[in-house]
Protein backbone atom coordinates (compact mmCIF):
# COMPACT_ATOMS: atom_id res chain seq x y z
CA UNK A 1 0.00 0.00 0.00
CA UNK A 2 2.89 2.37 0.69
CA UNK A 3 3.93 2.31 -2.97
CA UNK A 4 0.53 3.84 -3.74
CA UNK A 5 -0.02 6.30 -0.89
CA UNK A 6 3.48 7.80 -0.75
CA UNK A 7 3.44 8.88 -4.44
CA UNK A 8 -0.15 10.08 -4.04
CA UNK A 9 0.90 12.14 -1.01
CA UNK A 10 3.75 13.67 -3.02
CA UNK A 11 1.37 14.54 -5.85
CA UNK A 12 -1.08 16.09 -3.36
CA UNK A 13 1.64 18.21 -1.73
CA UNK A 14 2.98 19.31 -5.13
CA UNK A 15 -0.53 20.16 -6.33
CA UNK A 16 -1.12 22.23 -3.20
CA UNK A 17 2.13 24.15 -3.71
CA UNK A 18 1.25 24.69 -7.37
CA UNK A 19 -2.19 26.02 -6.47
CA UNK A 20 -0.73 28.43 -3.91
CA UNK A 21 1.95 29.58 -6.38
CA UNK A 22 -0.63 30.20 -9.12
CA UNK A 23 -2.88 32.10 -6.69
CA UNK A 24 -0.03 34.34 -5.55
CA UNK A 25 1.51 34.86 -8.99
CA UNK A 26 1.83 38.58 -9.75
CA UNK A 27 3.87 40.52 -12.25
CA UNK A 28 7.19 41.54 -10.69
CA UNK A 29 6.86 45.15 -11.89
CA UNK A 30 3.32 45.49 -10.55
CA UNK A 31 4.38 43.98 -7.22
CA UNK A 32 6.50 47.09 -6.64
CA UNK A 33 3.35 49.24 -6.57
CA UNK A 34 1.20 46.78 -4.64
CA UNK A 35 -0.56 48.49 -1.69
CA UNK A 36 0.81 51.90 -2.77
CA UNK A 37 -1.09 55.06 -3.67
CA UNK A 38 -1.02 55.28 -7.46
CA UNK A 39 -2.70 56.87 -10.46
CA UNK A 40 -3.72 54.87 -13.51
CA UNK A 41 -4.20 56.34 -16.98
CA UNK A 42 -6.58 54.33 -19.17
CA UNK A 43 -6.62 54.27 -22.96
CA UNK A 44 -9.69 56.53 -22.82
CA UNK A 45 -7.47 59.16 -21.08
CA UNK A 46 -9.46 58.68 -17.89
CA UNK A 47 -7.45 58.89 -14.67
CA UNK A 48 -8.11 56.63 -11.68
CA UNK A 49 -6.35 56.93 -8.36
CA UNK A 50 -6.28 55.15 -5.04
CA UNK A 51 -4.37 52.45 -3.15
CA UNK A 52 -3.52 49.63 -5.56
CA UNK A 53 -4.00 45.95 -4.75
CA UNK A 54 -2.58 43.61 -7.40
CA UNK A 55 -4.04 40.15 -8.00
CA UNK A 56 -3.12 37.56 -10.66
CA UNK A 57 -5.80 38.71 -13.16
CA UNK A 58 -7.39 41.76 -11.56
CA UNK A 59 -6.50 45.03 -9.88
CA UNK A 60 -8.36 46.94 -7.17
CA UNK A 61 -8.06 50.63 -6.37
CA UNK A 62 -9.24 51.60 -2.90
CA UNK A 63 -10.31 55.25 -2.92
CA UNK A 64 -8.80 57.70 -0.46
CA UNK A 65 -12.32 58.78 0.46
CA UNK A 66 -15.64 57.07 -0.04
CA UNK A 67 -17.58 58.79 -2.80
CA UNK A 68 -20.96 60.46 -2.11
CA UNK A 69 -22.77 57.50 -3.71
CA UNK A 70 -21.03 55.10 -1.31
CA UNK A 71 -18.46 53.67 -3.74
CA UNK A 72 -15.15 52.96 -2.01
CA UNK A 73 -13.16 51.06 -4.65
CA UNK A 74 -12.72 50.40 -8.37
CA UNK A 75 -11.98 46.94 -9.77
CA UNK A 76 -10.23 46.47 -13.13
CA UNK A 77 -10.53 43.13 -14.90
CA UNK A 78 -8.12 41.68 -17.45
CA UNK A 79 -9.71 43.32 -20.49
CA UNK A 80 -9.52 46.70 -18.72
CA UNK A 81 -5.97 46.07 -17.50
CA UNK A 82 -5.01 45.58 -21.14
CA UNK A 83 -6.25 49.14 -21.78
CA UNK A 84 -3.92 50.76 -19.22
CA UNK A 85 -1.50 53.32 -20.67
CA UNK A 86 0.63 53.74 -17.57
CA UNK A 87 0.58 53.44 -13.79
CA UNK A 88 2.35 56.19 -11.88
CA UNK A 89 3.32 56.88 -8.30
CA UNK A 90 4.27 60.45 -7.34
CA UNK A 91 7.68 60.77 -5.74
CA UNK A 92 7.87 61.99 -2.11
CA UNK A 93 8.23 65.70 -1.41
CA UNK A 94 11.81 66.88 -1.06
CA UNK A 95 12.99 67.34 2.52
CA UNK A 96 10.73 64.62 3.94
CA UNK A 97 11.96 61.35 5.52
CA UNK A 98 10.14 59.49 2.72
CA UNK A 99 12.17 61.39 0.13
CA UNK A 100 15.43 60.37 1.85
CA UNK A 101 14.35 56.70 1.77
CA UNK A 102 13.35 57.04 -1.90
CA UNK A 103 16.74 58.55 -2.83
CA UNK A 104 18.59 55.74 -1.06
CA UNK A 105 16.48 53.22 -2.99
CA UNK A 106 17.58 54.78 -6.27
CA UNK A 107 21.21 54.61 -5.16
CA UNK A 108 20.85 50.89 -4.33
CA UNK A 109 19.26 50.23 -7.73
CA UNK A 110 22.03 52.10 -9.57
CA UNK A 111 24.76 50.38 -7.53
CA UNK A 112 23.39 46.99 -6.38
CA UNK A 113 25.13 45.02 -3.66
CA UNK A 114 26.88 41.72 -4.32
CA UNK A 115 23.97 39.89 -2.69
CA UNK A 116 21.44 41.51 -5.04
CA UNK A 117 23.58 40.80 -8.10
CA UNK A 118 24.02 37.18 -7.01
CA UNK A 119 20.28 36.75 -6.46
CA UNK A 120 19.61 38.13 -9.93
CA UNK A 121 22.19 35.81 -11.46
CA UNK A 122 20.68 32.74 -9.80
CA UNK A 123 17.17 33.79 -10.87
CA UNK A 124 18.26 34.14 -14.49
CA UNK A 125 20.07 30.81 -14.32
CA UNK A 126 16.87 29.15 -13.12
CA UNK A 127 14.93 30.71 -15.98
CA UNK A 128 17.54 29.44 -18.44
CA UNK A 129 17.15 25.92 -17.07
CA UNK A 130 13.35 26.00 -16.63
CA UNK A 131 12.73 23.70 -19.61
CA UNK A 132 15.18 21.14 -18.26
CA UNK A 133 13.53 21.37 -14.83
CA UNK A 134 10.09 20.88 -16.39
CA UNK A 135 11.32 17.78 -18.23
CA UNK A 136 12.87 16.44 -15.02
CA UNK A 137 9.55 16.83 -13.21
CA UNK A 138 7.74 14.99 -16.00
CA UNK A 139 10.36 12.21 -15.92
CA UNK A 140 10.01 11.91 -12.13
CA UNK A 141 6.24 11.60 -12.38
CA UNK A 142 6.58 9.06 -15.18
CA UNK A 143 8.94 6.97 -13.06
CA UNK A 144 6.52 7.06 -10.13
CA UNK A 145 3.72 5.98 -12.43
CA UNK A 146 5.59 3.03 -13.94
CA UNK A 147 7.11 1.66 -10.73
CA UNK A 148 4.30 2.15 -8.23
CA UNK A 149 0.60 1.43 -7.89
CA UNK A 150 0.02 5.04 -8.86
CA UNK A 151 0.18 3.81 -12.46
CA UNK A 152 -3.26 2.28 -12.06
CA UNK A 153 -4.78 5.76 -12.04
CA UNK A 154 -5.69 6.48 -15.66
CA UNK A 155 -5.26 10.26 -15.49
CA UNK A 156 -2.10 10.32 -13.36
CA UNK A 157 0.16 11.41 -16.24
CA UNK A 158 -2.17 14.22 -17.24
CA UNK A 159 -2.51 15.64 -13.74
CA UNK A 160 1.20 15.27 -13.00
CA UNK A 161 2.02 17.20 -16.18
CA UNK A 162 -0.46 19.94 -15.31
CA UNK A 163 1.03 20.29 -11.83
CA UNK A 164 4.58 20.55 -13.19
CA UNK A 165 3.59 23.11 -15.80
CA UNK A 166 1.76 25.21 -13.20
CA UNK A 167 4.77 25.25 -10.90
CA UNK A 168 7.17 26.21 -13.66
CA UNK A 169 4.89 28.84 -15.21
CA UNK A 170 4.44 30.51 -11.82
CA UNK A 171 8.05 31.67 -12.02
CA UNK A 172 8.51 34.77 -14.22
CA UNK A 173 10.55 33.83 -17.26
CA UNK A 174 11.04 37.12 -19.09
CA UNK A 175 14.74 37.47 -19.82
CA UNK A 176 16.21 39.88 -22.35
CA UNK A 177 19.99 40.36 -22.44
CA UNK A 178 19.79 44.03 -23.48
CA UNK A 179 17.30 44.98 -20.76
CA UNK A 180 19.26 42.94 -18.24
CA UNK A 181 22.35 44.96 -19.17
CA UNK A 182 20.40 48.22 -18.73
CA UNK A 183 19.06 47.45 -15.24
CA UNK A 184 20.12 50.20 -12.83
CA UNK A 185 20.90 52.60 -15.68
CA UNK A 186 19.06 55.63 -17.04
CA UNK A 187 17.16 54.67 -20.17
CA UNK A 188 14.84 56.38 -22.63
CA UNK A 189 11.45 54.77 -23.26
CA UNK A 190 9.46 55.56 -26.39
CA UNK A 191 5.67 55.47 -26.18
CA UNK A 192 3.01 56.23 -28.76
CA UNK A 193 0.51 58.83 -27.49
CA UNK A 194 -2.10 59.47 -30.17
CA UNK A 195 -0.09 60.24 -33.32
CA UNK A 196 2.99 61.37 -31.41
CA UNK A 197 5.92 59.34 -30.10
CA UNK A 198 6.87 60.60 -26.64
CA UNK A 199 10.12 59.90 -24.82
CA UNK A 200 10.41 59.26 -21.09
CA UNK A 201 13.73 59.09 -19.28
CA UNK A 202 14.18 57.27 -16.00
CA UNK A 203 16.11 54.65 -14.04
CA UNK A 204 15.24 51.12 -15.18
CA UNK A 205 14.59 49.08 -12.05
CA UNK A 206 12.80 46.04 -13.45
CA UNK A 207 11.15 44.52 -16.49
CA UNK A 208 8.85 41.59 -17.15
CA UNK A 209 7.14 40.10 -20.16
CA UNK A 210 4.34 42.66 -19.83
CA UNK A 211 5.75 45.76 -18.13
CA UNK A 212 8.70 48.13 -17.63
CA UNK A 213 9.34 49.79 -14.25
CA UNK A 214 11.16 53.13 -14.38
CA UNK A 215 12.01 55.37 -11.43
CA UNK A 216 12.35 59.14 -11.25
CA UNK A 217 10.54 59.92 -14.51
CA UNK A 218 9.39 63.35 -15.74
CA UNK A 219 6.06 62.81 -17.52
CA UNK A 220 4.99 64.44 -20.77
CA UNK A 221 2.37 65.74 -21.18
CA UNK A 222 2.10 66.85 -17.57
CA UNK A 223 -0.39 65.06 -15.35
CA UNK A 224 -3.42 67.20 -14.60
CA UNK A 225 -6.03 65.68 -12.30
CA UNK A 226 -7.05 68.86 -10.47
CA UNK A 227 -4.61 68.47 -7.60
CA UNK A 228 -0.96 69.51 -7.03
CA UNK A 229 1.59 66.83 -7.91
CA UNK A 230 5.41 66.65 -7.93
CA UNK A 231 7.27 66.92 -11.20
CA UNK A 232 8.62 63.37 -11.17
CA UNK A 233 7.12 59.90 -10.81
CA UNK A 234 7.87 56.20 -10.58
CA UNK A 235 6.13 54.64 -13.58
CA UNK A 236 5.03 51.22 -14.83
CA UNK A 237 4.72 51.18 -18.64
CA UNK A 238 2.92 48.33 -20.46
CA UNK A 239 5.39 46.89 -22.98
CA UNK A 240 2.70 46.57 -25.65
CA UNK A 241 2.69 50.39 -25.71
CA UNK A 242 6.27 51.30 -24.78
CA UNK A 243 9.81 50.12 -25.51
CA UNK A 244 13.31 50.90 -24.29
CA UNK A 245 15.07 52.74 -27.11
CA UNK A 246 18.25 54.21 -25.58
CA UNK A 247 20.57 53.90 -22.59
CA UNK A 248 22.01 57.23 -21.45
CA UNK A 249 24.12 56.12 -18.52
């Protein structure tokens, strides 16, 4: 009986981990702005603002104040997320403790420690080997199926493959040598606004398959939402609308 229940227990544990990983999977650029006060510009040129909560396929903005009609939040679903032009976070006011922390963050990004560089190297190495790891998982499940009573379960191969794919796909796999080289440097992003190509310059902190995260960006045209704002922002650009064109550092 052990040759049946032990493999089944391993499959159950792996499936549980895969489910948790899939539920917690969030874009690594968006994670930076999770639970922060942000402003979102939609393709319709409508601005939304509030505290952002990022989920795997949705976003929620919690308003600073409940509106007169009782609405306290705004939920964006995947089709609406695809219509986002940019997500911005105003930088702290100069002279405040928050501004000092923000400046030190930029310095760490521009000159990462050995530990941060090593972590990035290991992460990229894992992404390079992800296909081999996926094949190893499939081989392991196949071995369990052929040598244990688990093989009597008709759908064991199918479920084992699904579990392995879910685990692997939960790890971000975007890797681009040029963008990797530009991390921590000042870059110029080009973005189409109407019929005009605008350029935005900022410090490239992170990228993913879907987004670019730039720090200390001056926006053009200026943001006007009826309230005073600083001149610079931390910005998430969707890559379907923007691309890194130059490095200036």
